[in-house]
């Protein structure tokens, strides 16, 4: 793999056009989708020199889990649309490369089967208005061995994704289902959005589990300050541009949120990360780790689980190379003065 554009091009050829649009598309005119990548393009690295960077170490620990590099796989749905190995194939690659996979509530394979790969897993949860079903989901994720709960907070309603509307893509093909959306009796349930939610949902979930809670979808510093008093980590995210079109790019939101949190909890971010240099920029601006979403789908659709492993190895090599040239031995050495 020379660049991440290669698996994207192969994925577009391999995927049904409506499925490509589902994965690639965003809300509205997709300004936020483009803005996430543009934000990285607008940053420049100001490297240090003669820093003795001969032995670099990318390892880090995040919410008690050791990682080979400060990277996680953000939650993405419907992996069986991308490749017959589905989420299990993605998780196997994550296990082999030593990074966390955040399993989507809308995964097309059950959390138990995904967990059997041995990958370090977190579970993404849309808070549900049915309290009994929500408890079932949380308990099921914990029983499967998930190490954290990622609460998606940016979805009081579904985003208006115009590509899907044009394609009439409203449900999975026959034979596929959101396998984590089954109740205790095995009956399929629909993902319900709840526009009445408040910050009390975090307190409610605290009463259901001892797992660390990550609040995903924070973009405003005032919300970051609230989250810092309630959650174990924040994931700065605009849902990959799939919810509110015109929302701020996550990289632009990162610095003010890091300042608002004042080091009380880890700040993670996703959205637009495509290169090792992007990871470096986000880490220098205060992120503890970064997530990737669409590149995982492209790699899976282009080359199956080996393609995902190749993607992760490529990003590790790219980040290591960028660290050396920026004058840093480890991610913790990166500081905001390296970015212009």
C-alpha atoms as a PDB file:
ATOM      1  CA  UNK A   1       0.000   0.000   0.000  1.00  0.00           C
ATOM      2  CA  UNK A   2       1.544   3.267  -1.124  1.00  0.00           C
ATOM      3  CA  UNK A   3      -1.287   5.615  -0.205  1.00  0.00           C
ATOM      4  CA  UNK A   4      -4.753   5.259   1.310  1.00  0.00           C
ATOM      5  CA  UNK A   5      -6.295   6.312  -1.999  1.00  0.00           C
ATOM      6  CA  UNK A   6      -5.427   2.902  -3.442  1.00  0.00           C
ATOM      7  CA  UNK A   7      -7.809   0.799  -1.297  1.00  0.00           C
ATOM      8  CA  UNK A   8     -10.490   3.477  -1.654  1.00  0.00           C
ATOM      9  CA  UNK A   9     -10.330   3.183  -5.455  1.00  0.00           C
ATOM     10  CA  UNK A  10     -10.458  -0.622  -5.286  1.00  0.00           C
ATOM     11  CA  UNK A  11     -13.308  -0.514  -2.780  1.00  0.00           C
ATOM     12  CA  UNK A  12     -15.387   1.693  -5.049  1.00  0.00           C
ATOM     13  CA  UNK A  13     -14.965  -0.862  -7.818  1.00  0.00           C
ATOM     14  CA  UNK A  14     -15.819  -3.809  -5.558  1.00  0.00           C
ATOM     15  CA  UNK A  15     -18.845  -2.356  -3.780  1.00  0.00           C
ATOM     16  CA  UNK A  16     -22.417  -2.040  -4.974  1.00  0.00           C
ATOM     17  CA  UNK A  17     -22.811   1.677  -5.877  1.00  0.00           C
ATOM     18  CA  UNK A  18     -25.524   2.198  -3.252  1.00  0.00           C
ATOM     19  CA  UNK A  19     -23.333   0.604  -0.598  1.00  0.00           C
ATOM     20  CA  UNK A  20     -20.364   2.747  -1.642  1.00  0.00           C
ATOM     21  CA  UNK A  21     -22.565   5.815  -1.271  1.00  0.00           C
ATOM     22  CA  UNK A  22     -23.707   4.654   2.174  1.00  0.00           C
ATOM     23  CA  UNK A  23     -20.133   4.351   3.419  1.00  0.00           C
ATOM     24  CA  UNK A  24     -18.686   7.355   1.592  1.00  0.00           C
ATOM     25  CA  UNK A  25     -21.576   9.747   1.950  1.00  0.00           C
ATOM     26  CA  UNK A  26     -22.545  12.254   4.586  1.00  0.00           C
ATOM     27  CA  UNK A  27     -25.351  14.578   5.509  1.00  0.00           C
ATOM     28  CA  UNK A  28     -26.649  17.344   3.267  1.00  0.00           C
ATOM     29  CA  UNK A  29     -24.135  18.721   0.794  1.00  0.00           C
ATOM     30  CA  UNK A  30     -21.328  16.874   2.628  1.00  0.00           C
ATOM     31  CA  UNK A  31     -19.505  20.075   3.558  1.00  0.00           C
ATOM     32  CA  UNK A  32     -18.480  18.596   6.891  1.00  0.00           C
ATOM     33  CA  UNK A  33     -17.216  15.396   5.249  1.00  0.00           C
ATOM     34  CA  UNK A  34     -14.890  17.497   3.098  1.00  0.00           C
ATOM     35  CA  UNK A  35     -14.128  19.893   5.941  1.00  0.00           C
ATOM     36  CA  UNK A  36     -12.662  17.165   8.122  1.00  0.00           C
ATOM     37  CA  UNK A  37      -9.949  16.397   5.585  1.00  0.00           C
ATOM     38  CA  UNK A  38      -9.503  20.055   4.621  1.00  0.00           C
ATOM     39  CA  UNK A  39      -8.728  20.908   8.247  1.00  0.00           C
ATOM     40  CA  UNK A  40      -5.701  18.625   8.171  1.00  0.00           C
ATOM     41  CA  UNK A  41      -4.653  20.001   4.793  1.00  0.00           C
ATOM     42  CA  UNK A  42      -4.608  23.469   6.338  1.00  0.00           C
ATOM     43  CA  UNK A  43      -2.128  22.551   9.084  1.00  0.00           C
ATOM     44  CA  UNK A  44       1.661  22.594   8.735  1.00  0.00           C
ATOM     45  CA  UNK A  45       4.222  20.799  10.882  1.00  0.00           C
ATOM     46  CA  UNK A  46       7.102  22.853  12.278  1.00  0.00           C
ATOM     47  CA  UNK A  47       9.710  20.157  13.008  1.00  0.00           C
ATOM     48  CA  UNK A  48      12.473  20.213  15.590  1.00  0.00           C
ATOM     49  CA  UNK A  49      15.975  19.038  14.628  1.00  0.00           C
ATOM     50  CA  UNK A  50      18.896  17.257  16.304  1.00  0.00           C
ATOM     51  CA  UNK A  51      16.594  15.651  18.848  1.00  0.00           C
ATOM     52  CA  UNK A  52      18.117  12.174  19.074  1.00  0.00           C
ATOM     53  CA  UNK A  53      15.133  10.268  17.714  1.00  0.00           C
ATOM     54  CA  UNK A  54      16.919   7.005  16.993  1.00  0.00           C
ATOM     55  CA  UNK A  55      14.661   4.785  19.128  1.00  0.00           C
ATOM     56  CA  UNK A  56      11.013   5.672  18.669  1.00  0.00           C
ATOM     57  CA  UNK A  57       8.180   4.076  20.644  1.00  0.00           C
ATOM     58  CA  UNK A  58       4.563   4.429  19.491  1.00  0.00           C
ATOM     59  CA  UNK A  59       2.971   2.426  22.308  1.00  0.00           C
ATOM     60  CA  UNK A  60       0.426   3.956  24.635  1.00  0.00           C
ATOM     61  CA  UNK A  61      -2.220   2.961  27.181  1.00  0.00           C
ATOM     62  CA  UNK A  62      -5.828   4.077  26.841  1.00  0.00           C
ATOM     63  CA  UNK A  63      -8.444   3.464  29.550  1.00  0.00           C
ATOM     64  CA  UNK A  64      -6.374   0.582  30.860  1.00  0.00           C
ATOM     65  CA  UNK A  65      -5.714  -1.057  27.484  1.00  0.00           C
ATOM     66  CA  UNK A  66      -2.225  -1.160  26.019  1.00  0.00           C
ATOM     67  CA  UNK A  67      -2.066  -0.172  22.342  1.00  0.00           C
ATOM     68  CA  UNK A  68       0.703  -0.616  19.802  1.00  0.00           C
ATOM     69  CA  UNK A  69       0.063   2.975  18.665  1.00  0.00           C
ATOM     70  CA  UNK A  70      -2.375   5.773  19.597  1.00  0.00           C
ATOM     71  CA  UNK A  71      -5.013   4.622  17.115  1.00  0.00           C
ATOM     72  CA  UNK A  72      -8.455   3.046  17.376  1.00  0.00           C
ATOM     73  CA  UNK A  73     -11.039   1.883  14.870  1.00  0.00           C
ATOM     74  CA  UNK A  74     -14.045   4.169  15.197  1.00  0.00           C
ATOM     75  CA  UNK A  75     -17.491   2.553  15.027  1.00  0.00           C
ATOM     76  CA  UNK A  76     -18.694   1.875  11.494  1.00  0.00           C
ATOM     77  CA  UNK A  77     -21.773  -0.141  10.584  1.00  0.00           C
ATOM     78  CA  UNK A  78     -22.553  -2.966   8.171  1.00  0.00           C
ATOM     79  CA  UNK A  79     -19.133  -4.517   7.545  1.00  0.00           C
ATOM     80  CA  UNK A  80     -20.744  -7.514   5.831  1.00  0.00           C
ATOM     81  CA  UNK A  81     -21.691  -5.135   3.015  1.00  0.00           C
ATOM     82  CA  UNK A  82     -17.981  -4.518   2.496  1.00  0.00           C
ATOM     83  CA  UNK A  83     -16.623  -8.085   2.753  1.00  0.00           C
ATOM     84  CA  UNK A  84     -17.845 -11.589   3.640  1.00  0.00           C
ATOM     85  CA  UNK A  85     -15.639 -11.622   6.750  1.00  0.00           C
ATOM     86  CA  UNK A  86     -17.542  -8.650   8.162  1.00  0.00           C
ATOM     87  CA  UNK A  87     -16.753  -7.193  11.556  1.00  0.00           C
ATOM     88  CA  UNK A  88     -15.050 -10.437  12.561  1.00  0.00           C
ATOM     89  CA  UNK A  89     -12.483  -9.896   9.832  1.00  0.00           C
ATOM     90  CA  UNK A  90     -11.927  -6.304  10.909  1.00  0.00           C
ATOM     91  CA  UNK A  91     -11.560  -7.330  14.535  1.00  0.00           C
ATOM     92  CA  UNK A  92      -9.049 -10.024  13.660  1.00  0.00           C
ATOM     93  CA  UNK A  93      -6.900  -7.403  11.954  1.00  0.00           C
ATOM     94  CA  UNK A  94      -7.233  -5.090  14.971  1.00  0.00           C
ATOM     95  CA  UNK A  95      -6.156  -7.922  17.265  1.00  0.00           C
ATOM     96  CA  UNK A  96      -3.139  -8.733  15.133  1.00  0.00           C
ATOM     97  CA  UNK A  97      -2.056  -5.092  15.005  1.00  0.00           C
ATOM     98  CA  UNK A  98      -2.735  -4.281  18.663  1.00  0.00           C
ATOM     99  CA  UNK A  99      -5.364  -1.554  18.395  1.00  0.00           C
ATOM    100  CA  UNK A 100      -8.852  -1.106  19.855  1.00  0.00           C
ATOM    101  CA  UNK A 101     -11.907  -1.686  17.687  1.00  0.00           C
ATOM    102  CA  UNK A 102     -15.059   0.173  18.671  1.00  0.00           C
ATOM    103  CA  UNK A 103     -17.864  -2.193  17.658  1.00  0.00           C
ATOM    104  CA  UNK A 104     -20.897  -0.457  16.205  1.00  0.00           C
ATOM    105  CA  UNK A 105     -24.295  -1.126  17.719  1.00  0.00           C
ATOM    106  CA  UNK A 106     -25.299  -1.587  14.061  1.00  0.00           C
ATOM    107  CA  UNK A 107     -22.744  -4.331  13.411  1.00  0.00           C
ATOM    108  CA  UNK A 108     -23.868  -7.092  11.068  1.00  0.00           C
ATOM    109  CA  UNK A 109     -22.278  -9.777  13.249  1.00  0.00           C
ATOM    110  CA  UNK A 110     -22.925 -10.361  16.970  1.00  0.00           C
ATOM    111  CA  UNK A 111     -20.601  -8.908  19.567  1.00  0.00           C
ATOM    112  CA  UNK A 112     -19.871 -12.382  20.956  1.00  0.00           C
ATOM    113  CA  UNK A 113     -18.568 -13.593  17.613  1.00  0.00           C
ATOM    114  CA  UNK A 114     -16.495 -10.445  17.145  1.00  0.00           C
ATOM    115  CA  UNK A 115     -15.043 -10.777  20.652  1.00  0.00           C
ATOM    116  CA  UNK A 116     -13.919 -14.342  19.923  1.00  0.00           C
ATOM    117  CA  UNK A 117     -11.130 -12.867  17.770  1.00  0.00           C
ATOM    118  CA  UNK A 118      -9.391 -11.659  20.933  1.00  0.00           C
ATOM    119  CA  UNK A 119      -9.332  -8.046  19.772  1.00  0.00           C
ATOM    120  CA  UNK A 120      -9.539  -5.343  22.445  1.00  0.00           C
ATOM    121  CA  UNK A 121     -13.100  -4.086  21.969  1.00  0.00           C
ATOM    122  CA  UNK A 122     -15.196  -1.124  23.037  1.00  0.00           C
ATOM    123  CA  UNK A 123     -18.931  -1.068  22.388  1.00  0.00           C
ATOM    124  CA  UNK A 124     -20.728   1.876  20.789  1.00  0.00           C
ATOM    125  CA  UNK A 125     -24.163   2.605  22.208  1.00  0.00           C
ATOM    126  CA  UNK A 126     -26.956   4.856  21.040  1.00  0.00           C
ATOM    127  CA  UNK A 127     -28.884   5.420  24.299  1.00  0.00           C
ATOM    128  CA  UNK A 128     -32.254   3.739  23.934  1.00  0.00           C
ATOM    129  CA  UNK A 129     -35.618   4.954  25.236  1.00  0.00           C
ATOM    130  CA  UNK A 130     -36.505   1.392  26.255  1.00  0.00           C
ATOM    131  CA  UNK A 131     -34.626   1.097  29.557  1.00  0.00           C
ATOM    132  CA  UNK A 132     -34.867  -2.679  29.699  1.00  0.00           C
ATOM    133  CA  UNK A 133     -33.461  -3.133  26.215  1.00  0.00           C
ATOM    134  CA  UNK A 134     -30.681  -0.623  26.911  1.00  0.00           C
ATOM    135  CA  UNK A 135     -29.705  -2.572  30.037  1.00  0.00           C
ATOM    136  CA  UNK A 136     -29.661  -5.762  27.970  1.00  0.00           C
ATOM    137  CA  UNK A 137     -27.297  -4.178  25.424  1.00  0.00           C
ATOM    138  CA  UNK A 138     -24.912  -2.897  28.081  1.00  0.00           C
ATOM    139  CA  UNK A 139     -24.845  -6.196  29.957  1.00  0.00           C
ATOM    140  CA  UNK A 140     -24.358  -8.139  26.739  1.00  0.00           C
ATOM    141  CA  UNK A 141     -21.385  -5.986  25.737  1.00  0.00           C
ATOM    142  CA  UNK A 142     -19.794  -6.344  29.159  1.00  0.00           C
ATOM    143  CA  UNK A 143     -20.329 -10.104  29.199  1.00  0.00           C
ATOM    144  CA  UNK A 144     -18.669 -10.365  25.779  1.00  0.00           C
ATOM    145  CA  UNK A 145     -15.576  -8.697  27.213  1.00  0.00           C
ATOM    146  CA  UNK A 146     -15.873  -5.144  25.898  1.00  0.00           C
ATOM    147  CA  UNK A 147     -13.579  -2.829  27.848  1.00  0.00           C
ATOM    148  CA  UNK A 148     -15.438   0.484  27.485  1.00  0.00           C
ATOM    149  CA  UNK A 149     -18.794   1.911  26.486  1.00  0.00           C
ATOM    150  CA  UNK A 150     -18.799   4.593  23.783  1.00  0.00           C
ATOM    151  CA  UNK A 151     -21.984   6.616  24.144  1.00  0.00           C
ATOM    152  CA  UNK A 152     -22.945   8.398  20.923  1.00  0.00           C
ATOM    153  CA  UNK A 153     -24.362  11.751  21.989  1.00  0.00           C
ATOM    154  CA  UNK A 154     -24.690  13.580  18.658  1.00  0.00           C
ATOM    155  CA  UNK A 155     -27.764  11.776  17.316  1.00  0.00           C
ATOM    156  CA  UNK A 156     -31.045  12.978  18.807  1.00  0.00           C
ATOM    157  CA  UNK A 157     -32.361  12.291  15.283  1.00  0.00           C
ATOM    158  CA  UNK A 158     -30.793  10.645  12.252  1.00  0.00           C
ATOM    159  CA  UNK A 159     -28.829  12.841   9.875  1.00  0.00           C
ATOM    160  CA  UNK A 160     -30.316  13.531   6.452  1.00  0.00           C
ATOM    161  CA  UNK A 161     -28.040  11.555   4.124  1.00  0.00           C
ATOM    162  CA  UNK A 162     -29.026  12.552   0.637  1.00  0.00           C
ATOM    163  CA  UNK A 163     -27.108   9.860  -1.219  1.00  0.00           C
ATOM    164  CA  UNK A 164     -29.055   7.181   0.672  1.00  0.00           C
ATOM    165  CA  UNK A 165     -32.320   8.964  -0.033  1.00  0.00           C
ATOM    166  CA  UNK A 166     -31.548   9.125  -3.751  1.00  0.00           C
ATOM    167  CA  UNK A 167     -30.584   5.438  -3.798  1.00  0.00           C
ATOM    168  CA  UNK A 168     -33.545   4.334  -1.701  1.00  0.00           C
ATOM    169  CA  UNK A 169     -31.079   2.674   0.687  1.00  0.00           C
ATOM    170  CA  UNK A 170     -33.162   2.328   3.835  1.00  0.00           C
ATOM    171  CA  UNK A 171     -32.374  -1.166   5.092  1.00  0.00           C
ATOM    172  CA  UNK A 172     -29.937  -4.032   4.832  1.00  0.00           C
ATOM    173  CA  UNK A 173     -30.330  -6.613   2.073  1.00  0.00           C
ATOM    174  CA  UNK A 174     -32.201  -9.835   2.908  1.00  0.00           C
ATOM    175  CA  UNK A 175     -30.186 -12.154   5.112  1.00  0.00           C
ATOM    176  CA  UNK A 176     -28.329  -9.372   6.919  1.00  0.00           C
ATOM    177  CA  UNK A 177     -29.335  -7.703  10.168  1.00  0.00           C
ATOM    178  CA  UNK A 178     -27.975  -5.532  12.948  1.00  0.00           C
ATOM    179  CA  UNK A 179     -27.116  -8.526  15.089  1.00  0.00           C
ATOM    180  CA  UNK A 180     -26.493  -6.566  18.278  1.00  0.00           C
ATOM    181  CA  UNK A 181     -30.020  -5.165  18.025  1.00  0.00           C
ATOM    182  CA  UNK A 182     -31.691  -8.286  19.363  1.00  0.00           C
ATOM    183  CA  UNK A 183     -33.438  -8.446  22.700  1.00  0.00           C
ATOM    184  CA  UNK A 184     -33.043 -11.206  25.278  1.00  0.00           C
ATOM    185  CA  UNK A 185     -35.531 -13.348  23.346  1.00  0.00           C
ATOM    186  CA  UNK A 186     -33.569 -12.923  20.101  1.00  0.00           C
ATOM    187  CA  UNK A 187     -36.109 -10.615  18.464  1.00  0.00           C
ATOM    188  CA  UNK A 188     -34.787  -7.883  16.178  1.00  0.00           C
ATOM    189  CA  UNK A 189     -35.198  -4.330  17.377  1.00  0.00           C
ATOM    190  CA  UNK A 190     -34.737  -1.063  15.527  1.00  0.00           C
ATOM    191  CA  UNK A 191     -32.209   1.530  16.655  1.00  0.00           C
ATOM    192  CA  UNK A 192     -34.247   4.289  18.259  1.00  0.00           C
ATOM    193  CA  UNK A 193     -33.073   7.879  18.506  1.00  0.00           C
ATOM    194  CA  UNK A 194     -34.222   9.773  21.610  1.00  0.00           C
ATOM    195  CA  UNK A 195     -34.352  13.582  21.249  1.00  0.00           C
ATOM    196  CA  UNK A 196     -35.302  13.970  24.929  1.00  0.00           C
ATOM    197  CA  UNK A 197     -31.884  12.839  26.170  1.00  0.00           C
ATOM    198  CA  UNK A 198     -29.898  15.024  28.562  1.00  0.00           C
ATOM    199  CA  UNK A 199     -26.601  14.580  30.380  1.00  0.00           C
ATOM    200  CA  UNK A 200     -28.441  12.437  32.896  1.00  0.00           C
ATOM    201  CA  UNK A 201     -28.076   9.561  30.420  1.00  0.00           C
ATOM    202  CA  UNK A 202     -24.410   9.272  31.428  1.00  0.00           C
ATOM    203  CA  UNK A 203     -25.426   8.986  35.083  1.00  0.00           C
ATOM    204  CA  UNK A 204     -28.029   6.386  34.101  1.00  0.00           C
ATOM    205  CA  UNK A 205     -25.440   4.300  32.300  1.00  0.00           C
ATOM    206  CA  UNK A 206     -23.083   4.614  35.267  1.00  0.00           C
ATOM    207  CA  UNK A 207     -25.742   2.776  37.211  1.00  0.00           C
ATOM    208  CA  UNK A 208     -25.712  -0.090  34.710  1.00  0.00           C
ATOM    209  CA  UNK A 209     -22.000  -0.784  34.317  1.00  0.00           C
ATOM    210  CA  UNK A 210     -18.538  -0.406  35.773  1.00  0.00           C
ATOM    211  CA  UNK A 211     -17.069  -0.047  32.285  1.00  0.00           C
ATOM    212  CA  UNK A 212     -15.359   3.257  31.450  1.00  0.00           C
ATOM    213  CA  UNK A 213     -17.700   5.581  29.579  1.00  0.00           C
ATOM    214  CA  UNK A 214     -16.572   7.571  26.545  1.00  0.00           C
ATOM    215  CA  UNK A 215     -18.902  10.334  25.321  1.00  0.00           C
ATOM    216  CA  UNK A 216     -18.707  10.498  21.524  1.00  0.00           C
ATOM    217  CA  UNK A 217     -19.792  13.498  19.471  1.00  0.00           C
ATOM    218  CA  UNK A 218     -18.531  16.377  21.622  1.00  0.00           C
ATOM    219  CA  UNK A 219     -17.646  19.490  19.590  1.00  0.00           C
ATOM    220  CA  UNK A 220     -18.328  22.420  21.945  1.00  0.00           C
ATOM    221  CA  UNK A 221     -15.959  23.329  24.821  1.00  0.00           C
ATOM    222  CA  UNK A 222     -18.889  23.846  27.203  1.00  0.00           C
ATOM    223  CA  UNK A 223     -20.012  20.264  26.574  1.00  0.00           C
ATOM    224  CA  UNK A 224     -16.439  19.083  27.065  1.00  0.00           C
ATOM    225  CA  UNK A 225     -16.367  20.659  30.523  1.00  0.00           C
ATOM    226  CA  UNK A 226     -19.609  18.891  31.432  1.00  0.00           C
ATOM    227  CA  UNK A 227     -18.320  15.587  30.074  1.00  0.00           C
ATOM    228  CA  UNK A 228     -15.079  15.921  32.029  1.00  0.00           C
ATOM    229  CA  UNK A 229     -17.098  15.755  35.225  1.00  0.00           C
ATOM    230  CA  UNK A 230     -19.164  12.751  34.172  1.00  0.00           C
ATOM    231  CA  UNK A 231     -17.285  10.564  31.687  1.00  0.00           C
ATOM    232  CA  UNK A 232     -13.939   8.780  31.533  1.00  0.00           C
ATOM    233  CA  UNK A 233     -13.001  10.141  28.100  1.00  0.00           C
ATOM    234  CA  UNK A 234     -14.316  12.319  25.278  1.00  0.00           C
ATOM    235  CA  UNK A 235     -14.338  11.441  21.599  1.00  0.00           C
ATOM    236  CA  UNK A 236     -14.330  14.659  19.576  1.00  0.00           C
ATOM    237  CA  UNK A 237     -16.371  13.634  16.551  1.00  0.00           C
ATOM    238  CA  UNK A 238     -18.894  14.989  14.072  1.00  0.00           C
ATOM    239  CA  UNK A 239     -19.969  11.480  13.058  1.00  0.00           C
ATOM    240  CA  UNK A 240     -17.796  11.656   9.967  1.00  0.00           C
ATOM    241  CA  UNK A 241     -20.007  14.441   8.642  1.00  0.00           C
ATOM    242  CA  UNK A 242     -23.021  12.110   8.655  1.00  0.00           C
ATOM    243  CA  UNK A 243     -25.206  14.036  11.110  1.00  0.00           C
ATOM    244  CA  UNK A 244     -25.184  17.866  10.976  1.00  0.00           C
ATOM    245  CA  UNK A 245     -23.864  19.188   7.681  1.00  0.00           C
ATOM    246  CA  UNK A 246     -21.908  22.382   8.245  1.00  0.00           C
ATOM    247  CA  UNK A 247     -20.684  21.255  11.659  1.00  0.00           C
ATOM    248  CA  UNK A 248     -17.161  22.275  12.635  1.00  0.00           C
ATOM    249  CA  UNK A 249     -14.311  20.010  11.518  1.00  0.00           C
ATOM    250  CA  UNK A 250     -13.167  17.852  14.402  1.00  0.00           C
ATOM    251  CA  UNK A 251      -9.553  18.986  14.143  1.00  0.00           C
ATOM    252  CA  UNK A 252     -10.705  22.605  14.476  1.00  0.00           C
ATOM    253  CA  UNK A 253     -12.771  21.667  17.533  1.00  0.00           C
ATOM    254  CA  UNK A 254      -9.945  19.729  19.171  1.00  0.00           C
ATOM    255  CA  UNK A 255      -7.776  22.515  20.592  1.00  0.00           C
ATOM    256  CA  UNK A 256     -10.545  24.404  22.423  1.00  0.00           C
ATOM    257  CA  UNK A 257     -11.856  21.132  23.850  1.00  0.00           C
ATOM    258  CA  UNK A 258      -8.414  20.098  25.088  1.00  0.00           C
ATOM    259  CA  UNK A 259      -8.122  23.481  26.791  1.00  0.00           C
ATOM    260  CA  UNK A 260     -11.578  23.154  28.356  1.00  0.00           C
ATOM    261  CA  UNK A 261     -10.891  19.671  29.754  1.00  0.00           C
ATOM    262  CA  UNK A 262      -7.604  20.775  31.365  1.00  0.00           C
ATOM    263  CA  UNK A 263      -6.172  17.265  31.388  1.00  0.00           C
ATOM    264  CA  UNK A 264      -8.873  15.753  33.581  1.00  0.00           C
ATOM    265  CA  UNK A 265      -9.758  12.973  31.114  1.00  0.00           C
ATOM    266  CA  UNK A 266      -8.361  11.727  27.791  1.00  0.00           C
ATOM    267  CA  UNK A 267      -9.519  13.527  24.654  1.00  0.00           C
ATOM    268  CA  UNK A 268      -9.813  11.357  21.549  1.00  0.00           C
ATOM    269  CA  UNK A 269     -10.795  12.507  18.070  1.00  0.00           C
ATOM    270  CA  UNK A 270     -11.830  11.114  14.701  1.00  0.00           C
ATOM    271  CA  UNK A 271     -12.809  12.552  11.340  1.00  0.00           C
ATOM    272  CA  UNK A 272     -10.596  13.070   8.301  1.00  0.00           C
ATOM    273  CA  UNK A 273      -7.556  11.120   9.526  1.00  0.00           C
ATOM    274  CA  UNK A 274      -5.900   9.664   6.433  1.00  0.00           C
ATOM    275  CA  UNK A 275      -2.116   9.714   7.034  1.00  0.00           C
ATOM    276  CA  UNK A 276       0.438   9.254   9.761  1.00  0.00           C
ATOM    277  CA  UNK A 277       1.089  12.972   9.547  1.00  0.00           C
ATOM    278  CA  UNK A 278      -2.609  13.559  10.340  1.00  0.00           C
ATOM    279  CA  UNK A 279      -2.240  11.423  13.445  1.00  0.00           C
ATOM    280  CA  UNK A 280       0.836  13.430  14.422  1.00  0.00           C
ATOM    281  CA  UNK A 281      -1.013  16.741  14.003  1.00  0.00           C
ATOM    282  CA  UNK A 282      -3.947  15.599  16.146  1.00  0.00           C
ATOM    283  CA  UNK A 283      -1.672  14.243  18.868  1.00  0.00           C
ATOM    284  CA  UNK A 284       0.357  17.458  18.912  1.00  0.00           C
ATOM    285  CA  UNK A 285      -2.849  19.467  19.341  1.00  0.00           C
ATOM    286  CA  UNK A 286      -3.754  17.454  22.417  1.00  0.00           C
ATOM    287  CA  UNK A 287      -5.482  14.241  21.349  1.00  0.00           C
ATOM    288  CA  UNK A 288      -4.550  11.165  23.367  1.00  0.00           C
ATOM    289  CA  UNK A 289      -5.396   8.932  20.403  1.00  0.00           C
ATOM    290  CA  UNK A 290      -7.236   9.193  17.093  1.00  0.00           C
ATOM    291  CA  UNK A 291      -9.866   7.084  15.385  1.00  0.00           C
ATOM    292  CA  UNK A 292     -10.273   6.086  11.755  1.00  0.00           C
ATOM    293  CA  UNK A 293     -13.543   5.086  10.118  1.00  0.00           C
ATOM    294  CA  UNK A 294     -13.942   5.094   6.346  1.00  0.00           C
ATOM    295  CA  UNK A 295     -10.336   3.970   5.626  1.00  0.00           C
ATOM    296  CA  UNK A 296     -11.097   0.732   7.492  1.00  0.00           C
ATOM    297  CA  UNK A 297     -14.114   0.074   5.293  1.00  0.00           C
ATOM    298  CA  UNK A 298     -12.105   0.824   2.131  1.00  0.00           C
ATOM    299  CA  UNK A 299      -9.338  -1.535   3.216  1.00  0.00           C
ATOM    300  CA  UNK A 300     -11.811  -4.282   4.127  1.00  0.00           C
ATOM    301  CA  UNK A 301     -13.693  -3.960   0.832  1.00  0.00           C
ATOM    302  CA  UNK A 302     -10.460  -3.847  -1.176  1.00  0.00           C
ATOM    303  CA  UNK A 303      -8.522  -6.640   0.492  1.00  0.00           C
ATOM    304  CA  UNK A 304     -10.459  -8.284   3.308  1.00  0.00           C
ATOM    305  CA  UNK A 305      -8.796  -8.693   6.727  1.00  0.00           C
ATOM    306  CA  UNK A 306      -5.282  -8.663   5.203  1.00  0.00           C
ATOM    307  CA  UNK A 307      -6.179  -5.308   3.659  1.00  0.00           C
ATOM    308  CA  UNK A 308      -7.121  -3.916   7.074  1.00  0.00           C
ATOM    309  CA  UNK A 309      -3.854  -5.215   8.540  1.00  0.00           C
ATOM    310  CA  UNK A 310      -1.947  -3.590   5.688  1.00  0.00           C
ATOM    311  CA  UNK A 311      -3.763  -0.310   6.359  1.00  0.00           C
ATOM    312  CA  UNK A 312      -2.846  -0.367  10.046  1.00  0.00           C
ATOM    313  CA  UNK A 313       0.754  -1.315   9.332  1.00  0.00           C
ATOM    314  CA  UNK A 314       0.935   1.512   6.791  1.00  0.00           C
ATOM    315  CA  UNK A 315      -0.361   4.052   9.299  1.00  0.00           C
ATOM    316  CA  UNK A 316       2.070   2.799  11.948  1.00  0.00           C
ATOM    317  CA  UNK A 317       5.008   3.132   9.578  1.00  0.00           C
ATOM    318  CA  UNK A 318       3.822   6.538   8.387  1.00  0.00           C
ATOM    319  CA  UNK A 319       3.414   7.824  11.947  1.00  0.00           C
ATOM    320  CA  UNK A 320       6.821   6.469  12.966  1.00  0.00           C
ATOM    321  CA  UNK A 321       8.430   8.186   9.988  1.00  0.00           C
ATOM    322  CA  UNK A 322       6.620  11.460  10.740  1.00  0.00           C
ATOM    323  CA  UNK A 323       7.720  11.353  14.380  1.00  0.00           C
ATOM    324  CA  UNK A 324      11.345  10.960  13.367  1.00  0.00           C
ATOM    325  CA  UNK A 325      11.214  13.861  10.942  1.00  0.00           C
ATOM    326  CA  UNK A 326       9.335  16.095  13.407  1.00  0.00           C
ATOM    327  CA  UNK A 327      11.939  15.440  16.114  1.00  0.00           C
ATOM    328  CA  UNK A 328       9.948  13.276  18.544  1.00  0.00           C
ATOM    329  CA  UNK A 329      10.707   9.871  20.043  1.00  0.00           C
ATOM    330  CA  UNK A 330       7.187   9.114  21.215  1.00  0.00           C
ATOM    331  CA  UNK A 331       3.675  10.550  20.889  1.00  0.00           C
ATOM    332  CA  UNK A 332       3.906  12.136  24.336  1.00  0.00           C
ATOM    333  CA  UNK A 333       6.778  14.317  23.076  1.00  0.00           C
ATOM    334  CA  UNK A 334       4.497  16.094  20.575  1.00  0.00           C
ATOM    335  CA  UNK A 335       3.421  19.612  21.514  1.00  0.00           C
ATOM    336  CA  UNK A 336       1.167  22.231  19.959  1.00  0.00           C
ATOM    337  CA  UNK A 337       4.079  24.488  19.009  1.00  0.00           C
ATOM    338  CA  UNK A 338       4.962  21.931  16.316  1.00  0.00           C
ATOM    339  CA  UNK A 339       1.799  22.807  14.390  1.00  0.00           C
ATOM    340  CA  UNK A 340       1.149  25.982  12.366  1.00  0.00           C
END
